[in-house]
C-alpha atoms as a PDB file:
ATOM      1  CA  MET A   1      36.913 -18.418-152.426  1.00  0.00           C
ATOM      2  CA  SER A   2      34.090 -16.782-150.393  1.00  0.00           C
ATOM      3  CA  PRO A   3      33.804 -13.066-151.054  1.00  0.00           C
ATOM      4  CA  GLN A   4      35.234 -12.670-147.135  1.00  0.00           C
ATOM      5  CA  THR A   5      38.618 -13.665-148.044  1.00  0.00           C
ATOM      6  CA  GLN A   6      41.575 -13.007-150.348  1.00  0.00           C
ATOM      7  CA  GLN A   7      44.538 -14.789-150.916  1.00  0.00           C
ATOM      8  CA  ASP A   8      48.130 -13.259-150.456  1.00  0.00           C
ATOM      9  CA  GLY A   9      50.286 -15.377-150.991  1.00  0.00           C
ATOM     10  CA  SER A  10      49.942 -18.729-148.585  1.00  0.00           C
ATOM     11  CA  LYS A  11      48.410 -16.462-146.058  1.00  0.00           C
ATOM     12  CA  ARG A  12      44.376 -15.872-146.292  1.00  0.00           C
ATOM     13  CA  ARG A  13      43.080 -12.318-144.975  1.00  0.00           C
ATOM     14  CA  ARG A  14      39.420 -11.394-143.811  1.00  0.00           C
ATOM     15  CA  ARG A  15      38.561  -8.311-146.180  1.00  0.00           C
ATOM     16  CA  LYS A  16      35.819  -6.023-144.422  1.00  0.00           C
ATOM     17  CA  VAL A  17      32.381  -5.819-144.977  1.00  0.00           C
ATOM     18  CA  TYR A  18      30.324  -2.162-145.216  1.00  0.00           C
ATOM     19  CA  SER A  19      27.024  -3.563-146.001  1.00  0.00           C
ATOM     20  CA  VAL A  20      24.360  -2.735-143.856  1.00  0.00           C
ATOM     21  CA  VAL A  21      21.248  -5.522-143.761  1.00  0.00           C
ATOM     22  CA  GLY A  22      18.780  -6.631-140.583  1.00  0.00           C
ATOM     23  CA  SER A  23      16.960  -5.669-137.550  1.00  0.00           C
ATOM     24  CA  PRO A  24      19.626  -3.577-135.776  1.00  0.00           C
ATOM     25  CA  ASP A  25      18.364  -5.714-132.263  1.00  0.00           C
ATOM     26  CA  TYR A  26      20.628  -7.824-133.785  1.00  0.00           C
ATOM     27  CA  MET A  27      23.335  -6.040-135.335  1.00  0.00           C
ATOM     28  CA  ALA A  28      27.373  -5.467-133.866  1.00  0.00           C
ATOM     29  CA  VAL A  29      28.666  -2.503-132.999  1.00  0.00           C
ATOM     30  CA  GLU A  30      30.550  -2.600-136.342  1.00  0.00           C
ATOM     31  CA  ILE A  31      28.240  -2.786-138.251  1.00  0.00           C
ATOM     32  CA  LEU A  32      25.852   0.313-137.048  1.00  0.00           C
ATOM     33  CA  THR A  33      29.038   1.736-136.975  1.00  0.00           C
ATOM     34  CA  GLN A  34      30.051   1.333-140.455  1.00  0.00           C
ATOM     35  CA  THR A  35      33.530   0.344-139.611  1.00  0.00           C
ATOM     36  CA  GLY A  36      33.485  -2.689-141.438  1.00  0.00           C
ATOM     37  CA  TYR A  37      33.429  -5.870-140.470  1.00  0.00           C
ATOM     38  CA  THR A  38      34.075  -9.760-141.337  1.00  0.00           C
ATOM     39  CA  ASN A  39      31.932 -12.638-140.511  1.00  0.00           C
ATOM     40  CA  LEU A  40      33.195 -12.768-136.868  1.00  0.00           C
ATOM     41  CA  VAL A  41      30.154 -10.502-135.916  1.00  0.00           C
ATOM     42  CA  ASP A  42      27.672 -13.589-136.349  1.00  0.00           C
ATOM     43  CA  PHE A  43      28.933 -14.377-132.721  1.00  0.00           C
ATOM     44  CA  TRP A  44      27.533 -11.376-131.419  1.00  0.00           C
ATOM     45  CA  SER A  45      23.942 -12.363-133.747  1.00  0.00           C
ATOM     46  CA  LEU A  46      23.898 -15.569-132.047  1.00  0.00           C
ATOM     47  CA  GLY A  47      24.628 -14.260-128.261  1.00  0.00           C
ATOM     48  CA  VAL A  48      21.932 -12.454-128.759  1.00  0.00           C
ATOM     49  CA  MET A  49      19.589 -14.853-129.772  1.00  0.00           C
ATOM     50  CA  LEU A  50      20.499 -17.029-127.399  1.00  0.00           C
ATOM     51  CA  TYR A  51      20.355 -14.038-124.804  1.00  0.00           C
ATOM     52  CA  GLU A  52      16.268 -13.508-126.406  1.00  0.00           C
ATOM     53  CA  PHE A  53      15.718 -17.636-126.416  1.00  0.00           C
ATOM     54  CA  VAL A  54      16.416 -17.624-122.016  1.00  0.00           C
ATOM     55  CA  PHE A  55      15.334 -14.443-120.697  1.00  0.00           C
ATOM     56  CA  GLY A  56      13.005 -13.924-123.430  1.00  0.00           C
ATOM     57  CA  PHE A  57      13.816 -10.321-124.815  1.00  0.00           C
ATOM     58  CA  THR A  58      16.725  -8.587-126.847  1.00  0.00           C
ATOM     59  CA  PRO A  59      19.721  -7.291-124.722  1.00  0.00           C
ATOM     60  CA  PHE A  60      19.625  -3.703-126.366  1.00  0.00           C
ATOM     61  CA  GLY A  61      15.643  -3.897-127.035  1.00  0.00           C
ATOM     62  CA  ALA A  62      14.754  -0.174-127.188  1.00  0.00           C
ATOM     63  CA  GLU A  63      11.381   1.887-129.289  1.00  0.00           C
ATOM     64  CA  THR A  64      13.163   3.134-131.836  1.00  0.00           C
ATOM     65  CA  PRO A  65      16.444   1.748-133.970  1.00  0.00           C
ATOM     66  CA  GLU A  66      18.083   4.981-132.626  1.00  0.00           C
ATOM     67  CA  GLU A  67      17.749   3.898-128.764  1.00  0.00           C
ATOM     68  CA  VAL A  68      18.606   0.684-129.510  1.00  0.00           C
ATOM     69  CA  PHE A  69      21.702   1.591-131.398  1.00  0.00           C
ATOM     70  CA  GLN A  70      23.001   4.275-128.555  1.00  0.00           C
ATOM     71  CA  ASN A  71      22.106   0.997-126.200  1.00  0.00           C
ATOM     72  CA  VAL A  72      24.367  -1.211-127.910  1.00  0.00           C
ATOM     73  CA  GLN A  73      27.079   1.747-127.910  1.00  0.00           C
ATOM     74  CA  CYS A  74      26.668   2.152-124.112  1.00  0.00           C
ATOM     75  CA  VAL A  75      27.731  -1.367-124.118  1.00  0.00           C
ATOM     76  CA  SER A  76      30.354  -2.051-126.280  1.00  0.00           C
ATOM     77  CA  ILE A  77      32.518   1.199-124.373  1.00  0.00           C
ATOM     78  CA  LEU A  78      31.615  -0.379-120.961  1.00  0.00           C
ATOM     79  CA  SER A  79      32.806  -3.718-121.784  1.00  0.00           C
ATOM     80  CA  THR A  80      35.259  -2.522-123.556  1.00  0.00           C
ATOM     81  CA  PHE A  81      36.575  -0.995-120.674  1.00  0.00           C
ATOM     82  CA  TYR A  82      36.008  -4.050-118.033  1.00  0.00           C
ATOM     83  CA  PHE A  83      37.832  -5.840-120.231  1.00  0.00           C
ATOM     84  CA  TYR A  84      40.719  -3.279-120.105  1.00  0.00           C
ATOM     85  CA  PHE A  85      40.474  -2.874-116.325  1.00  0.00           C
ATOM     86  CA  PHE A  86      40.294  -6.909-115.586  1.00  0.00           C
ATOM     87  CA  LEU A  87      43.568  -7.100-117.885  1.00  0.00           C
ATOM     88  CA  ILE A  88      45.372  -4.741-115.788  1.00  0.00           C
ATOM     89  CA  THR A  89      44.007  -5.826-112.728  1.00  0.00           C
ATOM     90  CA  THR A  90      45.490  -9.494-113.812  1.00  0.00           C
ATOM     91  CA  ILE A  91      48.627  -8.298-114.568  1.00  0.00           C
ATOM     92  CA  ILE A  92      49.370  -6.634-111.818  1.00  0.00           C
ATOM     93  CA  TYR A  93      48.158  -9.184-109.325  1.00  0.00           C
END
């Protein structure tokens, strides 16, 4: 059994991890805010790498790690807003 999961009867539950290792350019919001994360943050990093392969630069790149953190947070807030806006407009119409 991996450290990411734990057995709870017959159901598998994901356990959150709080360690921080790596480059901020590829870290998901959950890692940067240290709120705990699962292995699903790997999809975020994969998306950042694919973006870099296509466009030649990272989507949140900046001079300092603090600026990268601010860029990631802003995008996360906007994407959450747009998701709910899309959801509400889809339900209304």
